């Protein structure tokens, strides 16, 4: 399967309490079968009753870390999405809790690229985060300053060499 076709027909659950974010993500993923949820309870019910290939989970508004636990139990690839929890600490927390990626909301226009990277990593037997620094490193430099990786050098070195 070519990189361009990796998202074709994939079942994606998008969970966010902001309707405009849900609409934008659905518009950006026309090649996939998208289901929306606006609350923790709705998303929990969907994750427990249906099959999804990927879940995109807002961290703050819908208790994304709890949904991440459910997604992992169901073997669903989970991507954390955030605006308000955008910190290097939450990035590391998402990684350590098993998220396949951590995407700032102001980068959702690139969601197809991020999701394709994840599916390509799975297909090639690579770690899900193998391209994360390539895609978002410069964004983090702008947001947090050029020394943001110094807070946890061992972690970021590990990420850089996956």
Protein backbone atom coordinates (compact mmCIF):
# COMPACT_ATOMS: atom_id res chain seq x y z
CA UNK A 1 0.00 0.00 0.00
CA UNK A 2 1.36 3.42 -0.88
CA UNK A 3 1.75 6.12 1.75
CA UNK A 4 -1.05 8.13 0.13
CA UNK A 5 -3.53 5.26 0.60
CA UNK A 6 -2.76 4.33 4.21
CA UNK A 7 -5.76 6.26 5.60
CA UNK A 8 -8.19 5.03 2.95
CA UNK A 9 -11.20 3.44 4.65
CA UNK A 10 -9.69 3.57 8.15
CA UNK A 11 -12.22 3.91 10.97
CA UNK A 12 -11.28 6.98 12.99
CA UNK A 13 -12.94 8.17 16.19
CA UNK A 14 -12.49 11.89 16.84
CA UNK A 15 -13.25 13.07 20.38
CA UNK A 16 -13.39 16.76 21.23
CA UNK A 17 -15.78 19.07 23.04
CA UNK A 18 -15.36 21.76 20.38
CA UNK A 19 -17.71 21.22 17.39
CA UNK A 20 -15.51 23.29 15.05
CA UNK A 21 -12.51 21.04 15.76
CA UNK A 22 -14.60 17.93 15.04
CA UNK A 23 -15.85 19.43 11.78
CA UNK A 24 -12.38 20.53 10.70
CA UNK A 25 -10.85 17.12 11.38
CA UNK A 26 -13.65 15.34 9.57
CA UNK A 27 -13.17 17.65 6.57
CA UNK A 28 -9.42 16.92 6.59
CA UNK A 29 -9.97 13.15 6.54
CA UNK A 30 -12.45 12.51 3.70
CA UNK A 31 -10.69 9.26 2.77
CA UNK A 32 -11.49 7.75 6.18
CA UNK A 33 -14.67 6.63 7.92
CA UNK A 34 -14.92 9.23 10.71
CA UNK A 35 -17.10 9.00 13.82
CA UNK A 36 -17.40 11.97 16.17
CA UNK A 37 -17.90 12.14 19.93
CA UNK A 38 -18.27 15.28 22.04
CA UNK A 39 -17.99 13.85 25.55
CA UNK A 40 -16.09 11.30 27.59
CA UNK A 41 -19.16 9.09 28.07
CA UNK A 42 -20.06 9.11 24.37
CA UNK A 43 -16.48 8.29 23.38
CA UNK A 44 -16.18 5.57 26.03
CA UNK A 45 -19.35 3.91 24.76
CA UNK A 46 -18.15 4.07 21.15
CA UNK A 47 -14.69 2.71 21.98
CA UNK A 48 -16.19 -0.15 23.94
CA UNK A 49 -18.83 -1.08 21.36
CA UNK A 50 -17.24 -0.45 17.94
CA UNK A 51 -13.97 -1.13 16.15
CA UNK A 52 -11.72 1.82 15.33
CA UNK A 53 -8.28 1.89 13.74
CA UNK A 54 -7.38 5.25 15.27
CA UNK A 55 -8.78 7.51 17.99
CA UNK A 56 -7.93 11.22 18.07
CA UNK A 57 -8.46 12.34 21.67
CA UNK A 58 -8.64 15.85 23.06
CA UNK A 59 -6.75 15.93 26.35
CA UNK A 60 -8.61 18.57 28.34
CA UNK A 61 -12.29 18.81 27.48
CA UNK A 62 -13.11 15.10 27.31
CA UNK A 63 -10.65 13.50 29.76
CA UNK A 64 -8.38 12.27 27.01
CA UNK A 65 -5.94 10.37 29.22
CA UNK A 66 -8.76 8.18 30.58
CA UNK A 67 -9.93 7.57 27.01
CA UNK A 68 -6.34 6.67 26.11
CA UNK A 69 -6.47 3.83 28.66
CA UNK A 70 -9.68 2.51 27.10
CA UNK A 71 -8.25 2.81 23.58
CA UNK A 72 -5.17 0.85 24.61
CA UNK A 73 -7.28 -1.95 26.09
CA UNK A 74 -9.16 -2.13 22.78
CA UNK A 75 -5.88 -2.03 20.78
CA UNK A 76 -6.85 1.27 19.12
CA UNK A 77 -4.03 3.58 18.04
CA UNK A 78 -4.54 6.82 19.99
CA UNK A 79 -3.37 10.32 19.11
CA UNK A 80 -3.55 13.05 21.73
CA UNK A 81 -4.78 16.44 20.53
CA UNK A 82 -4.42 19.59 22.59
CA UNK A 83 -4.45 23.34 22.76
CA UNK A 84 -4.53 24.07 26.48
CA UNK A 85 -2.27 21.21 27.63
CA UNK A 86 0.47 22.04 25.14
CA UNK A 87 3.58 21.54 27.24
CA UNK A 88 6.68 19.45 26.89
CA UNK A 89 5.63 17.67 30.09
CA UNK A 90 2.28 16.64 28.58
CA UNK A 91 4.05 15.55 25.41
CA UNK A 92 6.24 13.21 27.45
CA UNK A 93 3.26 12.08 29.54
CA UNK A 94 1.35 11.19 26.36
CA UNK A 95 4.28 9.18 25.06
CA UNK A 96 4.79 7.35 28.34
CA UNK A 97 1.08 6.54 28.64
CA UNK A 98 1.15 4.93 25.19
CA UNK A 99 -0.18 7.56 22.79
CA UNK A 100 1.00 7.15 19.20
CA UNK A 101 1.44 10.92 18.84
CA UNK A 102 0.78 14.29 20.44
CA UNK A 103 -0.57 16.96 18.10
CA UNK A 104 -1.11 20.64 18.92
CA UNK A 105 -4.52 21.86 17.73
CA UNK A 106 -2.96 24.64 15.72
CA UNK A 107 -1.26 21.93 13.63
CA UNK A 108 -4.43 19.97 12.84
CA UNK A 109 -4.23 21.06 9.22
CA UNK A 110 -1.40 18.48 9.03
CA UNK A 111 -3.39 15.67 10.68
CA UNK A 112 -3.30 13.53 7.53
CA UNK A 113 0.52 13.65 7.59
CA UNK A 114 0.69 12.76 11.30
CA UNK A 115 -1.74 9.85 10.97
CA UNK A 116 -0.03 8.56 7.83
CA UNK A 117 3.33 8.67 9.65
CA UNK A 118 1.83 6.52 12.41
CA UNK A 119 0.35 3.97 10.02
CA UNK A 120 3.56 3.87 8.01
CA UNK A 121 5.53 3.26 11.22
CA UNK A 122 3.19 0.39 12.09
CA UNK A 123 3.54 -1.08 8.60
CA UNK A 124 7.35 -0.85 8.73
CA UNK A 125 7.68 -2.08 12.32
CA UNK A 126 9.00 1.26 13.54
CA UNK A 127 8.05 3.16 16.68
CA UNK A 128 5.01 5.41 16.21
CA UNK A 129 7.00 8.49 17.26
CA UNK A 130 9.83 7.91 14.72
CA UNK A 131 9.03 11.08 12.74
CA UNK A 132 7.55 13.20 15.52
CA UNK A 133 10.62 15.44 16.05
CA UNK A 134 11.04 15.89 12.30
CA UNK A 135 7.44 17.08 12.02
CA UNK A 136 7.07 19.15 15.20
CA UNK A 137 10.58 19.96 16.45
CA UNK A 138 10.74 23.39 14.81
CA UNK A 139 7.21 24.19 16.04
CA UNK A 140 8.33 23.39 19.60
CA UNK A 141 11.47 25.52 19.08
CA UNK A 142 9.23 28.49 18.20
CA UNK A 143 6.76 27.80 21.00
CA UNK A 144 9.12 26.93 23.87
CA UNK A 145 12.50 28.30 22.76
CA UNK A 146 15.49 26.45 21.33
CA UNK A 147 16.42 24.78 24.65
CA UNK A 148 13.09 23.05 25.33
CA UNK A 149 14.64 19.58 24.99
CA UNK A 150 17.12 20.29 27.80
CA UNK A 151 14.49 19.62 30.49
CA UNK A 152 14.64 15.90 29.71
CA UNK A 153 17.61 15.34 27.40
CA UNK A 154 17.61 11.55 27.78
CA UNK A 155 13.98 11.30 26.71
CA UNK A 156 14.34 13.57 23.67
CA UNK A 157 17.56 11.87 22.59
CA UNK A 158 15.72 8.54 22.69
CA UNK A 159 12.85 9.98 20.60
CA UNK A 160 15.31 11.40 18.08
CA UNK A 161 16.85 7.98 17.40
CA UNK A 162 13.74 5.83 17.01
